[in-house]
Amino acid sequence: MAFGQADKPKIALIMKTLSNEYFIAMKEGADKAAKEQNIDLIVQVAEKEDSTEQLVSLVENMIASKVDAIIVTPNDSHAFVSVFSDSEKAGVPIIDLDVELDKDAAKAAGLTYYYVGVNNFEGGYKSAKRLVDELGGKGKVVILEGIPGVDNGEQRKAGAMKAFSEAPEITVVASQTANWETEQALNVMTNILTANPDVVGVFAANDNMAIGAITAIENAGLEGKVLVSGYDALPLALQYIKEGKMLNTIDQGPGAQAAKGLEFAVKRIKKEEVPERFYQDLIVIDKSNVQ
């Protein structure tokens, strides 16, 4: 339902980055939904994906400016619990988008929070399981992790570990962070391949790292010998799947997540009930459905 001009709500979307195509798609989904519903959407972005203090400060500023609601993509599952509590106490409804807050920390703070995102454990499991199946359940594999301690990366890693542990002849020879970044993944993967030239598979917790890993594999002359599974369905990852450079990725509908976040924010402004968790459906994208 669209708002009239007089009751047009002001909603802030505070994002941890717009240097990643996944979050660009998320913003586009929010912009589209805001236009359709006649919402005054204020988008603010941290300078870097791991700029936690700055991101918290942006949320605090929006609370102080008395917007009608806030949607935020946290970059730390613990650090945002207190500012979420501050927002709720100030009477500004706040929605947790993409990265879920730490449940125990929220409970200890007496915070009830509302999350819109995906089941990252399930996504990590599905992506890595596709890799296990393609490898016939055998061989040495690598995990490229997200930022340590951040819920989405930790859950994807845990899901991948479950998929790998189900295949007795799969061995995880390295599990290291590349902090979501392509260049870091290139360097980390280069070092791993130097120590383990017989690696046959990589699960990267996002596509940026998968892309870096693919470059390292090509540089090592191992193209076609090491399969790579990613996560996020970025355009370049989809292109790599078409070209056979990458096995699969996970589409978690970032635009749809953002639209749902806005829907929840509007309902909370109107004091309507929303579920505490909403999980967007996940789709494994590989050569069979990439077109």
Protein backbone atom coordinates (compact mmCIF):
# COMPACT_ATOMS: atom_id res chain seq x y z
CA MET A 1 0.00 0.00 0.00
CA ALA A 2 1.38 3.42 -0.98
CA PHE A 3 1.35 6.36 1.42
CA GLY A 4 -0.17 9.73 0.63
CA GLN A 5 2.06 12.81 0.57
CA ALA A 6 0.93 13.98 4.02
CA ASP A 7 1.81 10.77 5.83
CA LYS A 8 4.93 9.93 3.82
CA PRO A 9 7.26 8.07 6.24
CA LYS A 10 10.97 8.81 6.47
CA ILE A 11 12.99 5.57 6.59
CA ALA A 12 16.79 5.33 6.78
CA LEU A 13 18.65 2.48 5.09
CA ILE A 14 22.14 2.27 6.61
CA MET A 15 24.42 0.02 4.53
CA LYS A 16 27.88 -1.35 5.26
CA THR A 17 29.04 -0.95 1.65
CA LEU A 18 28.05 -0.11 -1.91
CA SER A 19 31.34 -1.31 -3.40
CA ASN A 20 29.90 -4.82 -3.78
CA GLU A 21 27.34 -5.60 -6.51
CA TYR A 22 25.29 -7.65 -4.05
CA PHE A 23 24.63 -4.54 -1.95
CA ILE A 24 24.06 -2.41 -5.05
CA ALA A 25 21.26 -4.86 -5.98
CA MET A 26 19.95 -4.59 -2.42
CA LYS A 27 19.84 -0.77 -2.65
CA GLU A 28 18.10 -0.95 -6.04
CA GLY A 29 15.44 -3.21 -4.50
CA ALA A 30 14.94 -0.72 -1.66
CA ASP A 31 14.77 2.26 -4.05
CA LYS A 32 12.13 0.51 -6.19
CA ALA A 33 10.00 -0.47 -3.18
CA ALA A 34 10.29 3.04 -1.68
CA LYS A 35 9.13 4.65 -4.92
CA GLU A 36 6.18 2.27 -5.23
CA GLN A 37 5.07 2.90 -1.64
CA ASN A 38 5.80 6.68 -1.57
CA ILE A 39 8.43 6.34 1.17
CA ASP A 40 11.09 8.99 1.78
CA LEU A 41 14.17 6.70 1.77
CA ILE A 42 17.47 8.03 3.13
CA VAL A 43 20.44 5.83 2.18
CA GLN A 44 23.74 6.17 4.04
CA VAL A 45 26.81 4.01 3.56
CA ALA A 46 30.02 3.38 5.53
CA GLU A 47 33.34 4.12 3.84
CA LYS A 48 34.51 0.51 4.13
CA GLU A 49 32.70 -2.77 4.70
CA ASP A 50 34.45 -3.28 8.05
CA SER A 51 34.03 0.32 9.33
CA THR A 52 31.99 -0.74 12.37
CA GLU A 53 32.34 2.43 14.47
CA GLN A 54 31.30 4.60 11.54
CA LEU A 55 28.30 2.39 10.74
CA VAL A 56 27.14 2.46 14.38
CA SER A 57 27.57 6.26 14.35
CA LEU A 58 25.40 6.56 11.22
CA VAL A 59 22.62 4.64 13.00
CA GLU A 60 22.99 6.83 16.12
CA ASN A 61 22.69 9.96 13.95
CA MET A 62 19.48 8.65 12.37
CA ILE A 63 18.01 7.90 15.83
CA ALA A 64 18.85 11.47 16.90
CA SER A 65 17.28 12.94 13.75
CA LYS A 66 14.05 11.10 14.62
CA VAL A 67 13.43 9.24 11.37
CA ASP A 68 10.32 7.02 11.43
CA ALA A 69 12.28 3.77 11.10
CA ILE A 70 15.76 2.43 10.38
CA ILE A 71 16.96 -0.56 8.35
CA VAL A 72 20.60 -1.54 8.79
CA THR A 73 22.97 -4.15 7.34
CA PRO A 74 25.31 -4.74 10.33
CA ASN A 75 28.97 -5.59 9.78
CA ASP A 76 29.41 -7.03 13.26
CA SER A 77 26.89 -9.32 14.96
CA HIS A 78 27.78 -8.17 18.49
CA ALA A 79 28.62 -4.46 18.11
CA PHE A 80 25.15 -3.47 16.90
CA VAL A 81 23.13 -4.97 19.76
CA SER A 82 23.43 -1.83 21.93
CA VAL A 83 22.54 0.62 19.14
CA PHE A 84 19.53 -1.55 18.18
CA SER A 85 18.44 -1.34 21.85
CA ASP A 86 18.96 2.45 21.78
CA SER A 87 16.81 2.75 18.67
CA GLU A 88 13.95 0.72 20.10
CA LYS A 89 14.09 2.65 23.42
CA ALA A 90 13.92 5.91 21.46
CA GLY A 91 10.74 4.67 19.77
CA VAL A 92 12.41 4.28 16.37
CA PRO A 93 11.66 0.80 14.97
CA ILE A 94 14.80 -0.81 13.54
CA ILE A 95 15.08 -3.75 11.12
CA ASP A 96 18.11 -6.04 10.91
CA LEU A 97 18.86 -6.75 7.23
CA ASP A 98 21.28 -9.33 5.76
CA VAL A 99 23.58 -10.05 8.76
CA GLU A 100 21.79 -11.38 11.83
CA LEU A 101 22.64 -10.05 15.28
CA ASP A 102 24.13 -12.48 17.80
CA LYS A 103 21.13 -14.16 19.45
CA ASP A 104 22.83 -14.63 22.83
CA ALA A 105 24.09 -11.04 22.99
CA ALA A 106 20.62 -9.75 22.05
CA LYS A 107 18.97 -11.94 24.68
CA ALA A 108 21.45 -10.76 27.35
CA ALA A 109 20.57 -7.15 26.44
CA GLY A 110 16.83 -7.88 26.60
CA LEU A 111 16.51 -6.98 22.91
CA THR A 112 13.83 -8.35 20.62
CA TYR A 113 15.02 -7.72 17.06
CA TYR A 114 13.47 -8.29 13.64
CA TYR A 115 15.63 -9.95 10.98
CA VAL A 116 15.16 -10.09 7.21
CA GLY A 117 17.72 -12.16 5.33
CA VAL A 118 18.52 -15.74 4.54
CA ASN A 119 19.50 -18.89 6.37
CA ASN A 120 23.23 -18.58 5.74
CA PHE A 121 23.97 -22.01 7.22
CA GLU A 122 21.62 -23.58 4.66
CA GLY A 123 23.17 -21.49 1.87
CA GLY A 124 26.72 -22.51 2.80
CA TYR A 125 25.64 -26.12 3.01
CA LYS A 126 23.86 -26.08 -0.37
CA SER A 127 26.77 -24.39 -2.17
CA ALA A 128 29.41 -26.74 -0.72
CA LYS A 129 27.17 -29.80 -1.21
CA ARG A 130 27.01 -29.00 -4.93
CA LEU A 131 30.83 -29.00 -4.91
CA VAL A 132 31.02 -32.30 -2.99
CA ASP A 133 28.64 -33.94 -5.47
CA GLU A 134 30.64 -32.71 -8.47
CA LEU A 135 33.87 -34.02 -6.90
CA GLY A 136 32.29 -37.42 -6.30
CA GLY A 137 32.85 -36.98 -2.57
CA LYS A 138 36.66 -37.15 -2.83
CA GLY A 139 39.64 -34.82 -2.62
CA LYS A 140 41.28 -31.91 -0.83
CA VAL A 141 39.24 -28.74 -0.48
CA VAL A 142 39.63 -25.19 0.83
CA ILE A 143 37.27 -22.75 2.56
CA LEU A 144 37.66 -19.00 2.04
CA GLU A 145 35.91 -17.38 5.00
CA GLY A 146 34.24 -14.00 5.47
CA ILE A 147 35.07 -11.54 8.26
CA PRO A 148 35.68 -13.58 11.46
CA GLY A 149 32.93 -13.25 14.06
CA VAL A 150 30.32 -11.87 11.65
CA ASP A 151 27.23 -14.09 11.63
CA ASN A 152 26.65 -14.52 7.88
CA GLY A 153 30.24 -15.60 7.19
CA GLU A 154 30.42 -17.87 10.23
CA GLN A 155 27.12 -19.55 9.29
CA ARG A 156 28.16 -20.11 5.67
CA LYS A 157 31.45 -21.62 6.83
CA ALA A 158 29.61 -23.89 9.29
CA GLY A 159 27.20 -25.01 6.57
CA ALA A 160 30.10 -25.78 4.22
CA MET A 161 31.89 -27.72 6.97
CA LYS A 162 28.77 -29.84 7.45
CA ALA A 163 28.60 -30.64 3.72
CA PHE A 164 32.31 -31.56 3.66
CA SER A 165 32.09 -33.64 6.85
CA GLU A 166 29.35 -35.79 5.29
CA ALA A 167 31.86 -37.03 2.68
CA PRO A 168 34.54 -39.15 4.46
CA GLU A 169 36.97 -38.84 1.55
CA ILE A 170 36.85 -35.02 1.47
CA THR A 171 39.65 -33.32 3.42
CA VAL A 172 39.59 -29.61 4.30
CA VAL A 173 43.29 -28.65 4.03
CA ALA A 174 42.81 -24.93 4.74
CA SER A 175 40.11 -22.60 6.06
CA GLN A 176 41.19 -18.95 6.02
CA THR A 177 39.57 -15.54 5.88
CA ALA A 178 39.93 -13.25 2.90
CA ASN A 179 37.54 -10.69 4.48
CA TRP A 180 35.09 -10.83 1.54
CA GLU A 181 37.68 -9.21 -0.77
CA THR A 182 38.82 -10.34 -4.22
CA GLU A 183 42.45 -9.24 -3.91
CA GLN A 184 42.85 -10.80 -0.47
CA ALA A 185 41.34 -14.03 -1.79
CA LEU A 186 43.81 -14.02 -4.68
CA ASN A 187 46.73 -13.73 -2.24
CA VAL A 188 45.36 -16.24 0.29
CA MET A 189 44.53 -18.78 -2.43
CA THR A 190 47.94 -18.34 -4.08
CA ASN A 191 49.63 -19.25 -0.80
CA ILE A 192 47.30 -22.19 -0.17
CA LEU A 193 47.94 -23.60 -3.67
CA THR A 194 51.70 -23.26 -3.18
CA ALA A 195 51.43 -25.42 -0.06
CA ASN A 196 48.69 -27.71 -1.48
CA PRO A 197 48.99 -27.99 -5.28
CA ASP A 198 46.68 -31.06 -5.22
CA VAL A 199 43.61 -29.11 -4.02
CA VAL A 200 40.55 -29.95 -6.16
CA GLY A 201 37.83 -27.72 -4.73
CA VAL A 202 37.17 -24.34 -3.08
CA PHE A 203 34.13 -23.06 -1.22
CA ALA A 204 34.24 -19.27 -1.04
CA ALA A 205 31.75 -17.63 1.35
CA ASN A 206 31.07 -14.90 -1.23
CA ASP A 207 31.57 -14.45 -4.97
CA ASN A 208 34.17 -11.69 -4.61
CA MET A 209 36.47 -14.20 -2.91
CA ALA A 210 35.53 -16.92 -5.40
CA ILE A 211 36.60 -14.59 -8.24
CA GLY A 212 39.95 -13.97 -6.52
CA ALA A 213 40.42 -17.71 -6.02
CA ILE A 214 39.75 -18.36 -9.72
CA THR A 215 42.47 -15.86 -10.69
CA ALA A 216 44.92 -17.63 -8.33
CA ILE A 217 43.97 -21.00 -9.84
CA GLU A 218 44.54 -19.68 -13.37
CA ASN A 219 47.87 -18.09 -12.36
CA ALA A 220 48.99 -21.45 -10.96
CA GLY A 221 48.15 -23.18 -14.25
CA LEU A 222 45.42 -25.26 -12.55
CA GLU A 223 42.46 -24.05 -14.62
CA GLY A 224 39.93 -26.86 -14.99
CA LYS A 225 41.56 -28.86 -12.18
CA VAL A 226 40.11 -26.94 -9.22
CA LEU A 227 36.34 -26.42 -8.92
CA VAL A 228 35.06 -23.26 -7.20
CA SER A 229 31.71 -22.74 -5.45
CA GLY A 230 30.67 -19.23 -4.43
CA TYR A 231 27.81 -17.32 -2.87
CA ASP A 232 25.82 -14.17 -3.91
CA ALA A 233 25.11 -14.63 -7.66
CA LEU A 234 27.12 -11.58 -8.72
CA PRO A 235 27.04 -10.85 -12.49
CA LEU A 236 30.71 -11.85 -12.99
CA ALA A 237 30.15 -15.09 -11.08
CA LEU A 238 27.20 -15.91 -13.34
CA GLN A 239 29.40 -15.17 -16.36
CA TYR A 240 32.13 -17.47 -14.98
CA ILE A 241 29.56 -20.24 -14.49
CA LYS A 242 28.48 -19.87 -18.15
CA GLU A 243 32.14 -20.03 -19.20
CA GLY A 244 32.85 -23.07 -17.02
CA LYS A 245 35.34 -21.21 -14.80
CA MET A 246 33.11 -21.57 -11.73
CA LEU A 247 30.85 -24.41 -10.63
CA ASN A 248 28.01 -22.68 -8.76
CA THR A 249 26.85 -19.81 -6.60
CA ILE A 250 23.87 -18.99 -4.36
CA ASP A 251 21.18 -16.46 -5.30
CA GLN A 252 19.70 -14.99 -2.12
CA GLY A 253 17.53 -12.30 -3.70
CA PRO A 254 19.10 -9.11 -2.25
CA GLY A 255 16.54 -6.81 -3.90
CA ALA A 256 13.65 -8.87 -2.53
CA GLN A 257 15.26 -8.85 0.93
CA ALA A 258 15.46 -5.05 0.89
CA ALA A 259 11.83 -4.73 -0.23
CA LYS A 260 10.77 -7.05 2.59
CA GLY A 261 12.86 -4.97 5.03
CA LEU A 262 10.93 -1.86 3.97
CA GLU A 263 7.63 -3.71 4.31
CA PHE A 264 8.54 -4.73 7.86
CA ALA A 265 9.66 -1.18 8.71
CA VAL A 266 6.35 0.28 7.51
CA LYS A 267 4.35 -2.30 9.47
CA ARG A 268 6.32 -1.53 12.62
CA ILE A 269 5.76 2.22 12.13
CA LYS A 270 2.03 1.41 12.04
CA LYS A 271 2.46 -0.83 15.12
CA GLU A 272 1.42 -3.90 13.12
CA GLU A 273 2.88 -7.29 13.99
CA VAL A 274 5.76 -8.77 11.97
CA PRO A 275 7.60 -12.08 12.49
CA GLU A 276 10.95 -11.90 14.29
CA ARG A 277 12.62 -13.82 11.42
CA PHE A 278 11.98 -13.75 7.69
CA TYR A 279 14.15 -15.96 5.47
CA GLN A 280 14.34 -15.31 1.73
CA ASP A 281 14.42 -18.48 -0.41
CA LEU A 282 17.87 -19.57 -1.61
CA ILE A 283 18.59 -20.89 -5.10
CA VAL A 284 21.68 -22.84 -6.17
CA ILE A 285 22.79 -21.44 -9.53
CA ASP A 286 24.95 -23.64 -11.76
CA LYS A 287 25.26 -24.34 -15.50
CA SER A 288 21.84 -26.05 -15.54
CA ASN A 289 19.90 -22.86 -14.63
CA VAL A 290 22.31 -19.91 -15.05
CA GLN A 291 20.60 -18.78 -18.28
